[in-house]
Amino acid sequence: MVLGDVEITRVVEKEWRTREPHEMFPELAPEFWERNRSWLAPEFWDADDGRLVSCTHTWVLRSEGKIVLIDTGIGNHKQRPGAPPFHQQNSDFLGALARAGVAPEDVDIVVNTHLHADHVGWNTRLTQGEWVPTFPNATYLLPEPDHYFWNPAHDLARRSGAANRNVFEDSVEPVVRAGRSLLWRDGHDIDAHLRLEPAPGHTPGSAVVVLESGTDRAVFAGDLLHSPAQVVEPDCNSCFCEDQEQARASRRRVLQWAADHTALVLPAHVRGSAAFEVASRGSAFAITRWADRHPGCRAQGEE
């Protein structure tokens, strides 16, 4: 797809059936899923086995002659015993990236919207027993509050969640040590069309990438939304949110901006069309159009 002067390609790493809704979204009553079955099933919720359907993907942006990656998925050969879907993966992600016309050496900028295991995994790859930057010529933009939060040099007790065990050591610290990182806070201009803005709550440093090019607007929403269900229930957090009130406030603020600007919303774990427009509906929001029906987009070779 193309928005303004920015070309966007979605490269999928993995799709899988994840937790049951009551585990992932404990604030949503079971009736919600049945009431919304017509549009949530089967793409986002398998009503037969009762599990949510998720994915990891990387957004590849070509802007101002540079290649920008937003989030790098799970990665291969990572020790994630606390997160079985992420543990010791061996995917063809780099092959999928190549089929989208991108070699690791071509990448100029890597954006991690936050430092969870499924957003930083391909930051590094295992080479001769060492974790090295997968994208050797790229600058990795890391949210400083997350870097501080999970840095074991600061406070081990703050490193919450078994799913994020080993992540700092194998997927964050190696790019810092290689001199490829830039820590940012309070916003960062990537180029004339793309800007990182804080959206804390899911993690202390969670961020979104705002695209403004010509008359087109979009927001790469990271984990503000794990499911389209959170559009119609914007106060519903996932079980992984660190600060519940901040997460709700960030989600509402970003969705309201998207509604006000007819902006495309591109989350990190929504499969299928993967992106959508929203409109305000009283105290909540509604999806008004999916990306494959967006007039400002033309199809590219999606992997």
C-alpha atoms as a PDB file:
ATOM      1  CA  MET A   1       0.000   0.000   0.000  1.00  0.00           C
ATOM      2  CA  VAL A   2       1.061   3.598  -0.490  1.00  0.00           C
ATOM      3  CA  LEU A   3       0.112   6.538   1.729  1.00  0.00           C
ATOM      4  CA  GLY A   4       1.316   9.868   0.424  1.00  0.00           C
ATOM      5  CA  ASP A   5       4.997   9.403  -0.390  1.00  0.00           C
ATOM      6  CA  VAL A   6       5.435   6.385   1.893  1.00  0.00           C
ATOM      7  CA  GLU A   7       5.237   2.824   0.596  1.00  0.00           C
ATOM      8  CA  ILE A   8       4.148   0.222   3.173  1.00  0.00           C
ATOM      9  CA  THR A   9       4.565  -3.551   3.051  1.00  0.00           C
ATOM     10  CA  ARG A  10       3.504  -6.012   5.730  1.00  0.00           C
ATOM     11  CA  VAL A  11       5.846  -8.970   6.250  1.00  0.00           C
ATOM     12  CA  VAL A  12       4.317 -11.719   8.388  1.00  0.00           C
ATOM     13  CA  GLU A  13       6.515 -13.771  10.687  1.00  0.00           C
ATOM     14  CA  LYS A  14       4.007 -16.067  12.423  1.00  0.00           C
ATOM     15  CA  GLU A  15       0.293 -16.670  12.987  1.00  0.00           C
ATOM     16  CA  TRP A  16      -1.013 -18.793  15.841  1.00  0.00           C
ATOM     17  CA  ARG A  17      -3.893 -19.457  18.192  1.00  0.00           C
ATOM     18  CA  THR A  18      -3.075 -17.748  21.445  1.00  0.00           C
ATOM     19  CA  ARG A  19      -4.871 -17.415  24.780  1.00  0.00           C
ATOM     20  CA  GLU A  20      -8.560 -17.665  25.479  1.00  0.00           C
ATOM     21  CA  PRO A  21     -10.297 -14.281  25.587  1.00  0.00           C
ATOM     22  CA  HIS A  22     -10.819 -14.287  29.357  1.00  0.00           C
ATOM     23  CA  GLU A  23      -7.056 -14.750  29.829  1.00  0.00           C
ATOM     24  CA  MET A  24      -5.984 -12.091  27.360  1.00  0.00           C
ATOM     25  CA  PHE A  25      -8.736  -9.588  28.143  1.00  0.00           C
ATOM     26  CA  PRO A  26      -9.959 -10.303  31.681  1.00  0.00           C
ATOM     27  CA  GLU A  27     -12.148  -7.190  31.684  1.00  0.00           C
ATOM     28  CA  LEU A  28     -14.326  -8.381  28.785  1.00  0.00           C
ATOM     29  CA  ALA A  29     -17.312 -10.548  29.660  1.00  0.00           C
ATOM     30  CA  PRO A  30     -17.781 -13.824  27.718  1.00  0.00           C
ATOM     31  CA  GLU A  31     -21.002 -12.459  26.225  1.00  0.00           C
ATOM     32  CA  PHE A  32     -18.998  -9.790  24.392  1.00  0.00           C
ATOM     33  CA  TRP A  33     -17.421 -12.374  22.116  1.00  0.00           C
ATOM     34  CA  GLU A  34     -20.705 -14.075  21.253  1.00  0.00           C
ATOM     35  CA  ARG A  35     -22.351 -10.718  20.675  1.00  0.00           C
ATOM     36  CA  ASN A  36     -19.591  -9.747  18.226  1.00  0.00           C
ATOM     37  CA  ARG A  37     -19.036 -13.158  16.670  1.00  0.00           C
ATOM     38  CA  SER A  38     -20.197 -11.990  13.216  1.00  0.00           C
ATOM     39  CA  TRP A  39     -17.117  -9.822  12.678  1.00  0.00           C
ATOM     40  CA  LEU A  40     -14.544 -11.207  15.131  1.00  0.00           C
ATOM     41  CA  ALA A  41     -14.804 -14.866  14.071  1.00  0.00           C
ATOM     42  CA  PRO A  42     -12.998 -16.611  12.563  1.00  0.00           C
ATOM     43  CA  GLU A  43     -10.280 -14.104  11.634  1.00  0.00           C
ATOM     44  CA  PHE A  44      -9.536 -12.804  15.134  1.00  0.00           C
ATOM     45  CA  TRP A  45     -11.260 -15.364  17.361  1.00  0.00           C
ATOM     46  CA  ASP A  46     -11.704 -19.083  16.769  1.00  0.00           C
ATOM     47  CA  ALA A  47     -15.174 -19.621  18.203  1.00  0.00           C
ATOM     48  CA  ASP A  48     -14.794 -23.394  17.895  1.00  0.00           C
ATOM     49  CA  ASP A  49     -11.775 -23.822  20.156  1.00  0.00           C
ATOM     50  CA  GLY A  50     -12.351 -20.554  22.018  1.00  0.00           C
ATOM     51  CA  ARG A  51      -8.916 -19.096  21.383  1.00  0.00           C
ATOM     52  CA  LEU A  52      -7.871 -15.761  19.989  1.00  0.00           C
ATOM     53  CA  VAL A  53      -5.957 -15.723  16.718  1.00  0.00           C
ATOM     54  CA  SER A  54      -2.846 -13.573  16.642  1.00  0.00           C
ATOM     55  CA  CYS A  55       0.143 -12.847  14.467  1.00  0.00           C
ATOM     56  CA  THR A  56       3.473 -11.090  14.460  1.00  0.00           C
ATOM     57  CA  HIS A  57       4.446  -8.972  11.510  1.00  0.00           C
ATOM     58  CA  THR A  58       6.870  -6.227  10.586  1.00  0.00           C
ATOM     59  CA  TRP A  59       5.805  -3.088   8.794  1.00  0.00           C
ATOM     60  CA  VAL A  60       8.343  -2.223   6.088  1.00  0.00           C
ATOM     61  CA  LEU A  61       8.262   1.449   5.135  1.00  0.00           C
ATOM     62  CA  ARG A  62      10.067   3.055   2.217  1.00  0.00           C
ATOM     63  CA  SER A  63      10.268   6.769   2.875  1.00  0.00           C
ATOM     64  CA  GLU A  64      12.642   9.467   1.609  1.00  0.00           C
ATOM     65  CA  GLY A  65      14.903   6.861   0.046  1.00  0.00           C
ATOM     66  CA  LYS A  66      15.298   4.900   3.271  1.00  0.00           C
ATOM     67  CA  ILE A  67      13.933   1.587   4.522  1.00  0.00           C
ATOM     68  CA  VAL A  68      12.339   1.657   7.961  1.00  0.00           C
ATOM     69  CA  LEU A  69      11.195  -1.443   9.850  1.00  0.00           C
ATOM     70  CA  ILE A  70       8.563  -1.130  12.571  1.00  0.00           C
ATOM     71  CA  ASP A  71       8.898  -3.958  15.116  1.00  0.00           C
ATOM     72  CA  THR A  72      10.940  -7.077  14.467  1.00  0.00           C
ATOM     73  CA  GLY A  73       8.807  -9.917  15.812  1.00  0.00           C
ATOM     74  CA  ILE A  74       9.910 -12.983  17.757  1.00  0.00           C
ATOM     75  CA  GLY A  75      13.210 -13.924  16.144  1.00  0.00           C
ATOM     76  CA  ASN A  76      14.911 -17.284  15.760  1.00  0.00           C
ATOM     77  CA  HIS A  77      16.698 -19.436  18.348  1.00  0.00           C
ATOM     78  CA  LYS A  78      15.631 -17.214  21.257  1.00  0.00           C
ATOM     79  CA  GLN A  79      15.325 -18.819  24.689  1.00  0.00           C
ATOM     80  CA  ARG A  80      11.755 -17.988  25.777  1.00  0.00           C
ATOM     81  CA  PRO A  81      10.709 -20.781  28.180  1.00  0.00           C
ATOM     82  CA  GLY A  82       8.107 -18.478  29.726  1.00  0.00           C
ATOM     83  CA  ALA A  83       6.440 -17.935  26.337  1.00  0.00           C
ATOM     84  CA  PRO A  84       6.111 -21.233  24.423  1.00  0.00           C
ATOM     85  CA  PRO A  85       4.890 -19.637  21.136  1.00  0.00           C
ATOM     86  CA  PHE A  86       8.124 -17.614  21.055  1.00  0.00           C
ATOM     87  CA  HIS A  87      10.558 -20.281  22.289  1.00  0.00           C
ATOM     88  CA  GLN A  88      13.299 -21.532  19.949  1.00  0.00           C
ATOM     89  CA  GLN A  89      11.575 -20.484  16.740  1.00  0.00           C
ATOM     90  CA  ASN A  90      13.058 -21.242  13.330  1.00  0.00           C
ATOM     91  CA  SER A  91      11.007 -19.167  10.905  1.00  0.00           C
ATOM     92  CA  ASP A  92      11.727 -17.963   7.381  1.00  0.00           C
ATOM     93  CA  PHE A  93      11.258 -14.320   8.300  1.00  0.00           C
ATOM     94  CA  LEU A  94      14.420 -13.146   6.548  1.00  0.00           C
ATOM     95  CA  GLY A  95      13.279 -15.045   3.462  1.00  0.00           C
ATOM     96  CA  ALA A  96       9.921 -13.276   3.626  1.00  0.00           C
ATOM     97  CA  LEU A  97      11.730  -9.969   3.997  1.00  0.00           C
ATOM     98  CA  ALA A  98      13.849 -10.804   0.945  1.00  0.00           C
ATOM     99  CA  ARG A  99      10.708 -11.586  -1.058  1.00  0.00           C
ATOM    100  CA  ALA A 100       9.538  -8.081  -0.146  1.00  0.00           C
ATOM    101  CA  GLY A 101      12.752  -6.772  -1.697  1.00  0.00           C
ATOM    102  CA  VAL A 102      14.694  -6.118   1.510  1.00  0.00           C
ATOM    103  CA  ALA A 103      18.061  -7.575   2.485  1.00  0.00           C
ATOM    104  CA  PRO A 104      19.279  -7.045   6.070  1.00  0.00           C
ATOM    105  CA  GLU A 105      22.015  -4.702   4.819  1.00  0.00           C
ATOM    106  CA  ASP A 106      19.411  -2.490   3.109  1.00  0.00           C
ATOM    107  CA  VAL A 107      17.643  -1.462   6.309  1.00  0.00           C
ATOM    108  CA  ASP A 108      18.365   2.079   7.506  1.00  0.00           C
ATOM    109  CA  ILE A 109      16.179   2.360  10.609  1.00  0.00           C
ATOM    110  CA  VAL A 110      14.613  -0.168  12.982  1.00  0.00           C
ATOM    111  CA  VAL A 111      11.831   1.037  15.271  1.00  0.00           C
ATOM    112  CA  ASN A 112      10.881  -0.995  18.333  1.00  0.00           C
ATOM    113  CA  THR A 113       7.544   0.382  19.540  1.00  0.00           C
ATOM    114  CA  HIS A 114       8.365  -1.257  22.882  1.00  0.00           C
ATOM    115  CA  LEU A 115      10.782  -3.858  24.189  1.00  0.00           C
ATOM    116  CA  HIS A 116       8.602  -6.953  24.542  1.00  0.00           C
ATOM    117  CA  ALA A 117       9.846 -10.301  23.243  1.00  0.00           C
ATOM    118  CA  ASP A 118       7.606 -10.321  20.168  1.00  0.00           C
ATOM    119  CA  HIS A 119       8.676  -6.859  19.014  1.00  0.00           C
ATOM    120  CA  VAL A 120      12.467  -7.034  19.222  1.00  0.00           C
ATOM    121  CA  GLY A 121      13.348 -10.629  18.330  1.00  0.00           C
ATOM    122  CA  TRP A 122      14.853 -10.015  14.905  1.00  0.00           C
ATOM    123  CA  ASN A 123      16.894  -7.109  16.235  1.00  0.00           C
ATOM    124  CA  THR A 124      19.610  -9.753  16.482  1.00  0.00           C
ATOM    125  CA  ARG A 125      20.538 -13.134  15.076  1.00  0.00           C
ATOM    126  CA  LEU A 126      22.855 -15.855  16.313  1.00  0.00           C
ATOM    127  CA  THR A 127      26.191 -15.870  14.477  1.00  0.00           C
ATOM    128  CA  GLN A 128      29.014 -18.153  15.651  1.00  0.00           C
ATOM    129  CA  GLY A 129      27.473 -18.324  19.097  1.00  0.00           C
ATOM    130  CA  GLU A 130      27.069 -14.544  19.475  1.00  0.00           C
ATOM    131  CA  TRP A 131      24.011 -12.317  19.186  1.00  0.00           C
ATOM    132  CA  VAL A 132      24.758  -9.671  16.573  1.00  0.00           C
ATOM    133  CA  PRO A 133      22.569  -6.996  14.941  1.00  0.00           C
ATOM    134  CA  THR A 134      20.521  -8.532  12.136  1.00  0.00           C
ATOM    135  CA  PHE A 135      20.483  -5.207  10.299  1.00  0.00           C
ATOM    136  CA  PRO A 136      24.126  -4.124  10.472  1.00  0.00           C
ATOM    137  CA  ASN A 137      23.720  -0.710   8.859  1.00  0.00           C
ATOM    138  CA  ALA A 138      20.561   0.327  10.706  1.00  0.00           C
ATOM    139  CA  THR A 139      20.021   2.714  13.569  1.00  0.00           C
ATOM    140  CA  TYR A 140      17.787   1.017  16.139  1.00  0.00           C
ATOM    141  CA  LEU A 141      15.376   3.470  17.780  1.00  0.00           C
ATOM    142  CA  LEU A 142      14.717   2.204  21.310  1.00  0.00           C
ATOM    143  CA  PRO A 143      12.334   3.841  23.812  1.00  0.00           C
ATOM    144  CA  GLU A 144      14.514   4.974  26.698  1.00  0.00           C
ATOM    145  CA  PRO A 145      11.899   4.329  29.440  1.00  0.00           C
ATOM    146  CA  ASP A 146      11.649   0.673  28.362  1.00  0.00           C
ATOM    147  CA  HIS A 147      15.419   0.375  28.135  1.00  0.00           C
ATOM    148  CA  TYR A 148      15.693   1.593  31.715  1.00  0.00           C
ATOM    149  CA  PHE A 149      12.786  -0.538  32.940  1.00  0.00           C
ATOM    150  CA  TRP A 150      14.221  -3.851  31.714  1.00  0.00           C
ATOM    151  CA  ASN A 151      17.912  -3.119  32.115  1.00  0.00           C
ATOM    152  CA  PRO A 152      19.127  -5.589  34.767  1.00  0.00           C
ATOM    153  CA  ALA A 153      21.752  -3.069  35.835  1.00  0.00           C
ATOM    154  CA  HIS A 154      18.983  -0.931  37.303  1.00  0.00           C
ATOM    155  CA  ASP A 155      16.489  -3.123  39.132  1.00  0.00           C
ATOM    156  CA  LEU A 156      15.904  -6.812  38.468  1.00  0.00           C
ATOM    157  CA  ALA A 157      12.690  -6.742  40.517  1.00  0.00           C
ATOM    158  CA  ARG A 158      11.105  -4.460  37.922  1.00  0.00           C
ATOM    159  CA  ARG A 159      11.578  -6.865  35.032  1.00  0.00           C
ATOM    160  CA  SER A 160       8.054  -8.185  35.075  1.00  0.00           C
ATOM    161  CA  GLY A 161       6.774 -11.238  33.249  1.00  0.00           C
ATOM    162  CA  ALA A 162       8.296 -14.585  32.369  1.00  0.00           C
ATOM    163  CA  ALA A 163       7.614 -13.933  28.676  1.00  0.00           C
ATOM    164  CA  ASN A 164      10.255 -11.193  28.633  1.00  0.00           C
ATOM    165  CA  ARG A 165      13.005 -13.199  30.292  1.00  0.00           C
ATOM    166  CA  ASN A 166      16.342 -13.036  28.388  1.00  0.00           C
ATOM    167  CA  VAL A 167      15.016 -10.400  25.979  1.00  0.00           C
ATOM    168  CA  PHE A 168      17.231  -7.538  27.103  1.00  0.00           C
ATOM    169  CA  GLU A 169      20.317  -9.725  26.990  1.00  0.00           C
ATOM    170  CA  ASP A 170      19.804 -11.285  23.552  1.00  0.00           C
ATOM    171  CA  SER A 171      17.803  -8.696  21.598  1.00  0.00           C
ATOM    172  CA  VAL A 172      18.478  -5.255  23.082  1.00  0.00           C
ATOM    173  CA  GLU A 173      21.908  -5.073  24.685  1.00  0.00           C
ATOM    174  CA  PRO A 174      23.749  -6.475  21.620  1.00  0.00           C
ATOM    175  CA  VAL A 175      22.598  -3.597  19.390  1.00  0.00           C
ATOM    176  CA  VAL A 176      23.515  -1.075  22.085  1.00  0.00           C
ATOM    177  CA  ARG A 177      26.929  -2.679  22.522  1.00  0.00           C
ATOM    178  CA  ALA A 178      27.467  -2.575  18.748  1.00  0.00           C
ATOM    179  CA  GLY A 179      26.842   1.178  18.733  1.00  0.00           C
ATOM    180  CA  ARG A 180      23.747   0.837  16.545  1.00  0.00           C
ATOM    181  CA  SER A 181      21.112   2.195  18.970  1.00  0.00           C
ATOM    182  CA  LEU A 182      19.558   5.555  19.671  1.00  0.00           C
ATOM    183  CA  LEU A 183      17.570   5.907  22.895  1.00  0.00           C
ATOM    184  CA  TRP A 184      14.753   8.421  22.651  1.00  0.00           C
ATOM    185  CA  ARG A 185      11.991   9.855  24.825  1.00  0.00           C
ATOM    186  CA  ASP A 186       9.338  12.581  24.456  1.00  0.00           C
ATOM    187  CA  GLY A 187       9.052  12.095  20.688  1.00  0.00           C
ATOM    188  CA  HIS A 188      11.460  11.625  17.798  1.00  0.00           C
ATOM    189  CA  ASP A 189      11.259  12.681  14.143  1.00  0.00           C
ATOM    190  CA  ILE A 190      12.265   9.777  11.906  1.00  0.00           C
ATOM    191  CA  ASP A 191      11.912  11.875   8.756  1.00  0.00           C
ATOM    192  CA  ALA A 192       9.570  14.477   7.290  1.00  0.00           C
ATOM    193  CA  HIS A 193       6.699  11.956   7.119  1.00  0.00           C
ATOM    194  CA  LEU A 194       7.228   9.751  10.191  1.00  0.00           C
ATOM    195  CA  ARG A 195       7.354  10.591  13.871  1.00  0.00           C
ATOM    196  CA  LEU A 196       7.637   8.493  17.028  1.00  0.00           C
ATOM    197  CA  GLU A 197       5.296   9.609  19.804  1.00  0.00           C
ATOM    198  CA  PRO A 198       5.022   8.222  23.350  1.00  0.00           C
ATOM    199  CA  ALA A 199       1.950   6.117  24.135  1.00  0.00           C
ATOM    200  CA  PRO A 200       2.839   4.651  27.544  1.00  0.00           C
ATOM    201  CA  GLY A 201       0.883   2.160  29.596  1.00  0.00           C
ATOM    202  CA  HIS A 202       1.344  -1.187  27.914  1.00  0.00           C
ATOM    203  CA  THR A 203       4.977  -0.647  28.855  1.00  0.00           C
ATOM    204  CA  PRO A 204       6.588   2.496  30.295  1.00  0.00           C
ATOM    205  CA  GLY A 205       8.078   3.414  26.927  1.00  0.00           C
ATOM    206  CA  SER A 206       5.419   2.165  24.518  1.00  0.00           C
ATOM    207  CA  ALA A 207       5.181   4.317  21.418  1.00  0.00           C
ATOM    208  CA  VAL A 208       3.344   4.764  18.149  1.00  0.00           C
ATOM    209  CA  VAL A 209       4.649   5.885  14.766  1.00  0.00           C
ATOM    210  CA  VAL A 210       2.562   8.648  13.221  1.00  0.00           C
ATOM    211  CA  LEU A 211       2.604   9.005   9.433  1.00  0.00           C
ATOM    212  CA  GLU A 212       1.601  12.303   7.829  1.00  0.00           C
ATOM    213  CA  SER A 213       2.319  12.558   4.112  1.00  0.00           C
ATOM    214  CA  GLY A 214       0.354  14.698   1.702  1.00  0.00           C
ATOM    215  CA  THR A 215      -3.294  14.299   2.641  1.00  0.00           C
ATOM    216  CA  ASP A 216      -2.810  10.822   4.133  1.00  0.00           C
ATOM    217  CA  ARG A 217      -2.577   9.992   7.825  1.00  0.00           C
ATOM    218  CA  ALA A 218      -1.811   6.739   9.626  1.00  0.00           C
ATOM    219  CA  VAL A 219      -0.653   5.488  12.989  1.00  0.00           C
ATOM    220  CA  PHE A 220       1.356   2.331  13.574  1.00  0.00           C
ATOM    221  CA  ALA A 221      -0.146   1.457  16.929  1.00  0.00           C
ATOM    222  CA  GLY A 222       2.134  -1.247  18.325  1.00  0.00           C
ATOM    223  CA  ASP A 223       0.402  -2.998  21.208  1.00  0.00           C
ATOM    224  CA  LEU A 224      -2.146  -0.312  22.005  1.00  0.00           C
ATOM    225  CA  LEU A 225      -4.459  -2.862  20.384  1.00  0.00           C
ATOM    226  CA  HIS A 226      -3.982  -6.629  20.520  1.00  0.00           C
ATOM    227  CA  SER A 227      -7.399  -7.192  18.948  1.00  0.00           C
ATOM    228  CA  PRO A 228      -9.949  -5.143  16.993  1.00  0.00           C
ATOM    229  CA  ALA A 229     -12.229  -5.839  19.963  1.00  0.00           C
ATOM    230  CA  GLN A 230     -10.414  -3.050  21.802  1.00  0.00           C
ATOM    231  CA  VAL A 231     -11.680  -0.515  19.271  1.00  0.00           C
ATOM    232  CA  VAL A 232     -15.263  -1.025  20.410  1.00  0.00           C
ATOM    233  CA  GLU A 233     -14.133  -1.521  24.035  1.00  0.00           C
ATOM    234  CA  PRO A 234     -11.294   1.012  24.324  1.00  0.00           C
ATOM    235  CA  ASP A 235     -11.039   0.767  28.114  1.00  0.00           C
ATOM    236  CA  CYS A 236     -10.224  -2.929  27.875  1.00  0.00           C
ATOM    237  CA  ASN A 237      -6.548  -3.685  28.482  1.00  0.00           C
ATOM    238  CA  SER A 238      -4.641  -6.843  27.726  1.00  0.00           C
ATOM    239  CA  CYS A 239      -3.222  -8.919  30.553  1.00  0.00           C
ATOM    240  CA  PHE A 240       0.248  -7.628  29.595  1.00  0.00           C
ATOM    241  CA  CYS A 241      -0.320  -3.925  30.294  1.00  0.00           C
ATOM    242  CA  GLU A 242       1.996  -2.556  32.986  1.00  0.00           C
ATOM    243  CA  ASP A 243       0.019   0.587  33.874  1.00  0.00           C
ATOM    244  CA  GLN A 244      -3.709   0.053  33.408  1.00  0.00           C
ATOM    245  CA  GLU A 245      -4.844   3.686  33.522  1.00  0.00           C
ATOM    246  CA  GLN A 246      -2.059   4.930  31.279  1.00  0.00           C
ATOM    247  CA  ALA A 247      -2.800   2.197  28.753  1.00  0.00           C
ATOM    248  CA  ARG A 248      -6.480   3.172  28.593  1.00  0.00           C
ATOM    249  CA  ALA A 249      -5.644   6.860  28.227  1.00  0.00           C
ATOM    250  CA  SER A 250      -3.095   6.228  25.460  1.00  0.00           C
ATOM    251  CA  ARG A 251      -5.479   3.953  23.562  1.00  0.00           C
ATOM    252  CA  ARG A 252      -8.303   6.477  23.700  1.00  0.00           C
ATOM    253  CA  ARG A 253      -6.043   9.363  22.710  1.00  0.00           C
ATOM    254  CA  VAL A 254      -4.613   7.573  19.678  1.00  0.00           C
ATOM    255  CA  LEU A 255      -7.980   6.226  18.515  1.00  0.00           C
ATOM    256  CA  GLN A 256      -9.505   9.690  18.866  1.00  0.00           C
ATOM    257  CA  TRP A 257      -6.693  11.188  16.788  1.00  0.00           C
ATOM    258  CA  ALA A 258      -7.219   8.504  14.152  1.00  0.00           C
ATOM    259  CA  ALA A 259     -10.962   9.181  14.088  1.00  0.00           C
ATOM    260  CA  ASP A 260     -10.470  12.947  13.865  1.00  0.00           C
ATOM    261  CA  HIS A 261      -7.972  12.654  10.992  1.00  0.00           C
ATOM    262  CA  THR A 262      -9.494   9.694   9.083  1.00  0.00           C
ATOM    263  CA  ALA A 263      -6.180   7.985   9.719  1.00  0.00           C
ATOM    264  CA  LEU A 264      -5.411   4.346   9.063  1.00  0.00           C
ATOM    265  CA  VAL A 265      -4.656   2.358  12.246  1.00  0.00           C
ATOM    266  CA  LEU A 266      -2.004  -0.347  11.816  1.00  0.00           C
ATOM    267  CA  PRO A 267      -1.581  -2.482  14.963  1.00  0.00           C
ATOM    268  CA  ALA A 268       1.130  -5.065  15.574  1.00  0.00           C
ATOM    269  CA  HIS A 269      -0.962  -8.231  15.981  1.00  0.00           C
ATOM    270  CA  VAL A 270      -4.053  -7.865  13.778  1.00  0.00           C
ATOM    271  CA  ARG A 271      -4.078 -10.336  10.897  1.00  0.00           C
ATOM    272  CA  GLY A 272      -5.972 -10.353   7.603  1.00  0.00           C
ATOM    273  CA  SER A 273      -6.427  -6.826   6.291  1.00  0.00           C
ATOM    274  CA  ALA A 274      -4.277  -5.826   9.281  1.00  0.00           C
ATOM    275  CA  ALA A 275      -5.283  -2.146   9.301  1.00  0.00           C
ATOM    276  CA  PHE A 276      -8.442  -0.074   9.457  1.00  0.00           C
ATOM    277  CA  GLU A 277     -10.080   3.321   9.867  1.00  0.00           C
ATOM    278  CA  VAL A 278     -12.164   4.195  12.922  1.00  0.00           C
ATOM    279  CA  ALA A 279     -14.898   6.638  13.867  1.00  0.00           C
ATOM    280  CA  SER A 280     -16.144   7.868  17.232  1.00  0.00           C
ATOM    281  CA  ARG A 281     -19.308   6.192  18.478  1.00  0.00           C
ATOM    282  CA  GLY A 282     -20.374   7.818  21.716  1.00  0.00           C
ATOM    283  CA  SER A 283     -17.837   6.849  24.371  1.00  0.00           C
ATOM    284  CA  ALA A 284     -16.234   4.209  22.137  1.00  0.00           C
ATOM    285  CA  PHE A 285     -15.178   3.714  18.520  1.00  0.00           C
ATOM    286  CA  ALA A 286     -16.114   1.610  15.520  1.00  0.00           C
ATOM    287  CA  ILE A 287     -14.187   0.240  12.575  1.00  0.00           C
ATOM    288  CA  THR A 288     -15.527   1.936   9.466  1.00  0.00           C
ATOM    289  CA  ARG A 289     -13.230   0.584   6.758  1.00  0.00           C
ATOM    290  CA  TRP A 290     -10.538  -2.079   6.445  1.00  0.00           C
ATOM    291  CA  ALA A 291      -7.239  -1.370   4.669  1.00  0.00           C
ATOM    292  CA  ASP A 292      -8.041  -3.448   1.608  1.00  0.00           C
ATOM    293  CA  ARG A 293     -10.906  -1.052   0.913  1.00  0.00           C
ATOM    294  CA  HIS A 294      -8.980   2.150   1.698  1.00  0.00           C
ATOM    295  CA  PRO A 295      -9.050   4.492  -1.343  1.00  0.00           C
ATOM    296  CA  GLY A 296      -5.639   5.960  -0.525  1.00  0.00           C
ATOM    297  CA  CYS A 297      -3.930   2.568  -0.692  1.00  0.00           C
ATOM    298  CA  ARG A 298      -2.819   0.536  -3.648  1.00  0.00           C
ATOM    299  CA  ALA A 299      -1.807  -3.069  -3.173  1.00  0.00           C
ATOM    300  CA  GLN A 300       1.826  -4.113  -3.033  1.00  0.00           C
ATOM    301  CA  GLY A 301       3.250  -7.629  -2.861  1.00  0.00           C
ATOM    302  CA  GLU A 302       2.357  -8.613   0.687  1.00  0.00           C
ATOM    303  CA  GLU A 303       4.139 -11.587   2.168  1.00  0.00           C
END
